[in-house]
Amino acid sequence: NTLALLFRSHPSLIMQNENGENVDLYIPRKCSWTNRLIRAKDHGSVQLNVANVDPVTGLYTGETTAFALSGYVRDKSEGDMALTALVEASDKKNAVPAE
């Protein structure tokens, strides 16, 4: 366990601040459609922020929902279908029941 010995001898290698909060420089994302990890070198991946709209007034609420799509999904020409399905699923999940 050379790695454990290295961390014990150099506590500054643990990426946490004084409060114990995670401060890693790179935290990988997951594709919202395939749940695959998006690697740092995946230059075809995108993250889209979709606006949340009030169902009654149709106005922007000031909030967004983030969706990440991997380069694999976009390379297979499934990005449009994936984003549409994700937004519809999110809309159904967040729908307010009718009174």
N, C-alpha and C. Protein backbone atom coordinates (compact mmCIF):
# COMPACT_ATOMS: atom_id res chain seq x y z
N ASN A 1 0.82 -1.20 0.00
CA ASN A 1 0.00 0.00 0.00
C ASN A 1 0.86 1.26 0.00
N THR A 2 1.56 1.43 -1.10
CA THR A 2 2.41 2.59 -1.25
C THR A 2 1.60 3.87 -1.28
N LEU A 3 0.40 3.80 -1.89
CA LEU A 3 -0.45 4.98 -1.98
C LEU A 3 -0.90 5.45 -0.60
N ALA A 4 -1.28 4.52 0.27
CA ALA A 4 -1.69 4.88 1.62
C ALA A 4 -0.53 5.51 2.38
N LEU A 5 0.65 4.98 2.19
CA LEU A 5 1.84 5.53 2.84
C LEU A 5 2.13 6.93 2.32
N LEU A 6 1.96 7.14 1.02
CA LEU A 6 2.17 8.45 0.42
C LEU A 6 1.21 9.49 0.99
N PHE A 7 -0.07 9.13 1.14
CA PHE A 7 -1.04 10.07 1.68
C PHE A 7 -0.78 10.37 3.16
N ARG A 8 -0.31 9.36 3.91
CA ARG A 8 0.00 9.62 5.32
C ARG A 8 1.20 10.51 5.47
N SER A 9 2.19 10.35 4.58
CA SER A 9 3.40 11.16 4.70
C SER A 9 3.22 12.57 4.14
N HIS A 10 2.26 12.74 3.21
CA HIS A 10 1.98 14.05 2.62
C HIS A 10 0.48 14.33 2.71
N PRO A 11 -0.01 14.82 3.84
CA PRO A 11 -1.45 15.06 3.97
C PRO A 11 -1.96 16.14 3.02
N SER A 12 -1.08 16.95 2.44
CA SER A 12 -1.53 17.99 1.52
C SER A 12 -2.01 17.41 0.20
N LEU A 13 -1.74 16.12 -0.08
CA LEU A 13 -2.19 15.49 -1.32
C LEU A 13 -3.68 15.19 -1.30
N ILE A 14 -4.30 15.17 -0.12
CA ILE A 14 -5.74 14.96 -0.02
C ILE A 14 -6.40 16.28 -0.40
N MET A 15 -7.28 16.25 -1.39
CA MET A 15 -7.85 17.47 -1.94
C MET A 15 -9.05 17.94 -1.11
N GLN A 16 -8.77 18.36 0.12
CA GLN A 16 -9.79 18.91 1.01
C GLN A 16 -9.23 20.16 1.67
N ASN A 17 -10.14 21.11 1.95
CA ASN A 17 -9.70 22.31 2.65
C ASN A 17 -9.77 22.08 4.16
N GLU A 18 -9.56 23.13 4.93
CA GLU A 18 -9.55 22.99 6.39
C GLU A 18 -10.88 22.54 6.95
N ASN A 19 -11.99 22.83 6.25
CA ASN A 19 -13.33 22.45 6.70
C ASN A 19 -13.70 21.03 6.30
N GLY A 20 -12.81 20.34 5.57
CA GLY A 20 -13.10 18.99 5.13
C GLY A 20 -13.92 18.91 3.87
N GLU A 21 -14.09 20.05 3.16
CA GLU A 21 -14.87 20.07 1.92
C GLU A 21 -13.99 19.64 0.75
N ASN A 22 -14.59 18.93 -0.21
CA ASN A 22 -13.88 18.45 -1.38
C ASN A 22 -13.53 19.62 -2.30
N VAL A 23 -12.26 19.74 -2.65
CA VAL A 23 -11.81 20.83 -3.52
C VAL A 23 -11.00 20.28 -4.69
N ASP A 24 -11.38 19.13 -5.22
CA ASP A 24 -10.69 18.56 -6.37
C ASP A 24 -10.76 19.52 -7.55
N LEU A 25 -9.71 19.51 -8.35
CA LEU A 25 -9.68 20.37 -9.52
C LEU A 25 -10.57 19.85 -10.62
N TYR A 26 -10.74 18.53 -10.71
CA TYR A 26 -11.55 17.93 -11.77
C TYR A 26 -12.49 16.91 -11.16
N ILE A 27 -13.78 17.13 -11.31
CA ILE A 27 -14.79 16.18 -10.88
C ILE A 27 -15.51 15.73 -12.15
N PRO A 28 -15.40 14.46 -12.52
CA PRO A 28 -15.99 14.02 -13.79
C PRO A 28 -17.51 14.08 -13.77
N ARG A 29 -18.07 14.35 -14.95
CA ARG A 29 -19.53 14.38 -15.12
C ARG A 29 -20.00 13.05 -15.67
N LYS A 30 -21.30 12.80 -15.57
CA LYS A 30 -21.91 11.63 -16.17
C LYS A 30 -22.87 12.08 -17.25
N CYS A 31 -22.92 11.30 -18.32
CA CYS A 31 -23.87 11.58 -19.39
C CYS A 31 -25.28 11.37 -18.84
N SER A 32 -26.14 12.33 -19.06
CA SER A 32 -27.52 12.24 -18.55
C SER A 32 -28.32 11.15 -19.26
N TRP A 33 -27.91 10.76 -20.47
CA TRP A 33 -28.65 9.79 -21.26
C TRP A 33 -28.15 8.37 -21.02
N THR A 34 -26.82 8.16 -21.05
CA THR A 34 -26.26 6.81 -20.95
C THR A 34 -25.69 6.49 -19.57
N ASN A 35 -25.56 7.47 -18.71
CA ASN A 35 -24.93 7.33 -17.38
C ASN A 35 -23.47 6.93 -17.46
N ARG A 36 -22.84 7.13 -18.61
CA ARG A 36 -21.41 6.89 -18.74
C ARG A 36 -20.65 8.09 -18.19
N LEU A 37 -19.45 7.83 -17.64
CA LEU A 37 -18.61 8.94 -17.22
C LEU A 37 -18.11 9.68 -18.45
N ILE A 38 -18.10 10.99 -18.37
CA ILE A 38 -17.56 11.82 -19.45
C ILE A 38 -16.12 12.13 -19.08
N ARG A 39 -15.20 11.61 -19.87
CA ARG A 39 -13.78 11.79 -19.57
C ARG A 39 -13.32 13.20 -19.92
N ALA A 40 -12.19 13.59 -19.35
CA ALA A 40 -11.66 14.93 -19.56
C ALA A 40 -11.31 15.17 -21.03
N LYS A 41 -10.93 14.15 -21.75
CA LYS A 41 -10.53 14.30 -23.15
C LYS A 41 -11.68 14.13 -24.13
N ASP A 42 -12.92 14.01 -23.63
CA ASP A 42 -14.09 13.88 -24.50
C ASP A 42 -14.49 15.28 -24.95
N HIS A 43 -13.88 15.73 -26.05
CA HIS A 43 -14.11 17.10 -26.52
C HIS A 43 -15.41 17.23 -27.29
N GLY A 44 -16.12 16.13 -27.53
CA GLY A 44 -17.41 16.18 -28.22
C GLY A 44 -18.58 16.29 -27.26
N SER A 45 -18.32 16.24 -25.97
CA SER A 45 -19.41 16.31 -24.98
C SER A 45 -19.86 17.75 -24.77
N VAL A 46 -21.12 17.89 -24.38
CA VAL A 46 -21.69 19.21 -24.11
C VAL A 46 -22.52 19.15 -22.83
N GLN A 47 -22.66 20.29 -22.18
CA GLN A 47 -23.58 20.42 -21.06
C GLN A 47 -24.52 21.56 -21.41
N LEU A 48 -25.82 21.25 -21.41
CA LEU A 48 -26.83 22.24 -21.77
C LEU A 48 -27.67 22.57 -20.55
N ASN A 49 -27.92 23.85 -20.34
CA ASN A 49 -28.80 24.29 -19.28
C ASN A 49 -30.14 24.66 -19.91
N VAL A 50 -31.18 23.93 -19.53
CA VAL A 50 -32.51 24.15 -20.09
C VAL A 50 -33.32 24.97 -19.08
N ALA A 51 -33.94 26.02 -19.54
CA ALA A 51 -34.70 26.92 -18.66
C ALA A 51 -35.94 26.24 -18.11
N ASN A 52 -36.24 26.47 -16.83
CA ASN A 52 -37.48 26.00 -16.23
C ASN A 52 -38.54 27.08 -16.45
N VAL A 53 -39.72 26.64 -16.88
CA VAL A 53 -40.79 27.56 -17.24
C VAL A 53 -41.99 27.30 -16.33
N ASP A 54 -42.61 28.37 -15.87
CA ASP A 54 -43.81 28.25 -15.04
C ASP A 54 -44.94 27.67 -15.91
N PRO A 55 -45.60 26.59 -15.46
CA PRO A 55 -46.62 25.95 -16.30
C PRO A 55 -47.87 26.82 -16.51
N VAL A 56 -48.13 27.74 -15.61
CA VAL A 56 -49.33 28.57 -15.73
C VAL A 56 -49.08 29.77 -16.64
N THR A 57 -48.03 30.50 -16.35
CA THR A 57 -47.78 31.74 -17.09
C THR A 57 -46.91 31.54 -18.33
N GLY A 58 -46.13 30.46 -18.36
CA GLY A 58 -45.23 30.22 -19.48
C GLY A 58 -43.99 31.09 -19.43
N LEU A 59 -43.70 31.70 -18.27
CA LEU A 59 -42.55 32.58 -18.13
C LEU A 59 -41.38 31.83 -17.48
N TYR A 60 -40.18 32.27 -17.80
CA TYR A 60 -38.95 31.72 -17.23
C TYR A 60 -38.91 31.98 -15.73
N THR A 61 -38.63 30.94 -14.94
CA THR A 61 -38.66 31.06 -13.48
C THR A 61 -37.33 31.53 -12.90
N GLY A 62 -36.28 31.61 -13.72
CA GLY A 62 -34.97 32.00 -13.21
C GLY A 62 -34.12 30.80 -12.85
N GLU A 63 -34.64 29.61 -13.01
CA GLU A 63 -33.90 28.39 -12.69
C GLU A 63 -33.66 27.60 -13.98
N THR A 64 -32.62 26.76 -13.94
CA THR A 64 -32.31 25.91 -15.08
C THR A 64 -32.07 24.49 -14.62
N THR A 65 -32.18 23.55 -15.55
CA THR A 65 -31.84 22.16 -15.31
C THR A 65 -30.71 21.80 -16.26
N ALA A 66 -29.62 21.25 -15.72
CA ALA A 66 -28.45 20.93 -16.53
C ALA A 66 -28.53 19.49 -17.04
N PHE A 67 -28.21 19.31 -18.31
CA PHE A 67 -28.12 17.99 -18.93
C PHE A 67 -26.76 17.89 -19.61
N ALA A 68 -26.05 16.80 -19.36
CA ALA A 68 -24.76 16.56 -19.99
C ALA A 68 -24.91 15.42 -20.99
N LEU A 69 -24.42 15.63 -22.20
CA LEU A 69 -24.45 14.60 -23.24
C LEU A 69 -23.02 14.29 -23.66
N SER A 70 -22.69 13.00 -23.67
CA SER A 70 -21.34 12.59 -24.03
C SER A 70 -21.12 12.71 -25.52
N GLY A 71 -19.85 12.72 -25.91
CA GLY A 71 -19.51 12.76 -27.31
C GLY A 71 -19.99 11.52 -28.05
N TYR A 72 -20.06 10.39 -27.34
CA TYR A 72 -20.55 9.14 -27.94
C TYR A 72 -21.99 9.31 -28.42
N VAL A 73 -22.85 9.89 -27.60
CA VAL A 73 -24.25 10.09 -27.97
C VAL A 73 -24.35 11.03 -29.16
N ARG A 74 -23.58 12.09 -29.14
CA ARG A 74 -23.61 13.05 -30.23
C ARG A 74 -23.04 12.46 -31.51
N ASP A 75 -22.01 11.61 -31.39
CA ASP A 75 -21.40 10.98 -32.55
C ASP A 75 -22.37 10.02 -33.24
N LYS A 76 -23.24 9.40 -32.46
CA LYS A 76 -24.24 8.47 -33.01
C LYS A 76 -25.50 9.21 -33.50
N SER A 77 -25.47 10.52 -33.53
CA SER A 77 -26.59 11.37 -33.98
C SER A 77 -27.85 11.15 -33.15
N GLU A 78 -27.67 10.91 -31.85
CA GLU A 78 -28.79 10.70 -30.95
C GLU A 78 -28.96 11.83 -29.94
N GLY A 79 -28.20 12.90 -30.10
CA GLY A 79 -28.23 13.99 -29.14
C GLY A 79 -29.57 14.69 -29.06
N ASP A 80 -30.19 14.94 -30.22
CA ASP A 80 -31.48 15.63 -30.26
C ASP A 80 -32.56 14.78 -29.60
N MET A 81 -32.58 13.47 -29.96
CA MET A 81 -33.58 12.57 -29.38
C MET A 81 -33.37 12.43 -27.87
N ALA A 82 -32.10 12.32 -27.45
CA ALA A 82 -31.79 12.16 -26.04
C ALA A 82 -32.21 13.39 -25.23
N LEU A 83 -31.88 14.58 -25.74
CA LEU A 83 -32.23 15.81 -25.04
C LEU A 83 -33.75 15.97 -24.95
N THR A 84 -34.46 15.66 -26.02
CA THR A 84 -35.92 15.76 -26.01
C THR A 84 -36.52 14.81 -24.96
N ALA A 85 -36.04 13.58 -24.93
CA ALA A 85 -36.56 12.60 -23.96
C ALA A 85 -36.21 13.00 -22.52
N LEU A 86 -35.00 13.52 -22.31
CA LEU A 86 -34.60 13.94 -20.96
C LEU A 86 -35.45 15.11 -20.47
N VAL A 87 -35.70 16.08 -21.35
CA VAL A 87 -36.51 17.25 -20.96
C VAL A 87 -37.95 16.82 -20.68
N GLU A 88 -38.50 15.93 -21.51
CA GLU A 88 -39.87 15.46 -21.28
C GLU A 88 -39.97 14.68 -19.97
N ALA A 89 -38.97 13.84 -19.68
CA ALA A 89 -38.98 13.08 -18.42
C ALA A 89 -38.85 14.01 -17.22
N SER A 90 -38.01 15.04 -17.35
CA SER A 90 -37.85 16.01 -16.27
C SER A 90 -39.12 16.81 -16.08
N ASP A 91 -39.80 17.12 -17.17
CA ASP A 91 -41.05 17.88 -17.12
C ASP A 91 -42.14 17.07 -16.42
N LYS A 92 -42.22 15.78 -16.73
CA LYS A 92 -43.23 14.92 -16.09
C LYS A 92 -42.94 14.74 -14.61
N LYS A 93 -41.64 14.64 -14.27
CA LYS A 93 -41.24 14.45 -12.87
C LYS A 93 -41.55 15.68 -12.04
N ASN A 94 -41.40 16.87 -12.63
CA ASN A 94 -41.59 18.11 -11.91
C ASN A 94 -42.98 18.72 -12.10
N ALA A 95 -43.87 18.00 -12.77
CA ALA A 95 -45.22 18.52 -13.04
C ALA A 95 -46.02 18.69 -11.76
N VAL A 96 -46.78 19.76 -11.72
CA VAL A 96 -47.65 20.03 -10.58
C VAL A 96 -48.99 19.33 -10.85
N PRO A 97 -49.46 18.48 -9.94
CA PRO A 97 -50.75 17.80 -10.18
C PRO A 97 -51.90 18.79 -10.27
N ALA A 98 -52.85 18.51 -11.15
CA ALA A 98 -54.01 19.38 -11.32
C ALA A 98 -54.94 19.26 -10.12
N GLU A 99 -55.57 20.37 -9.77
CA GLU A 99 -56.44 20.37 -8.59
C GLU A 99 -57.86 20.03 -8.96
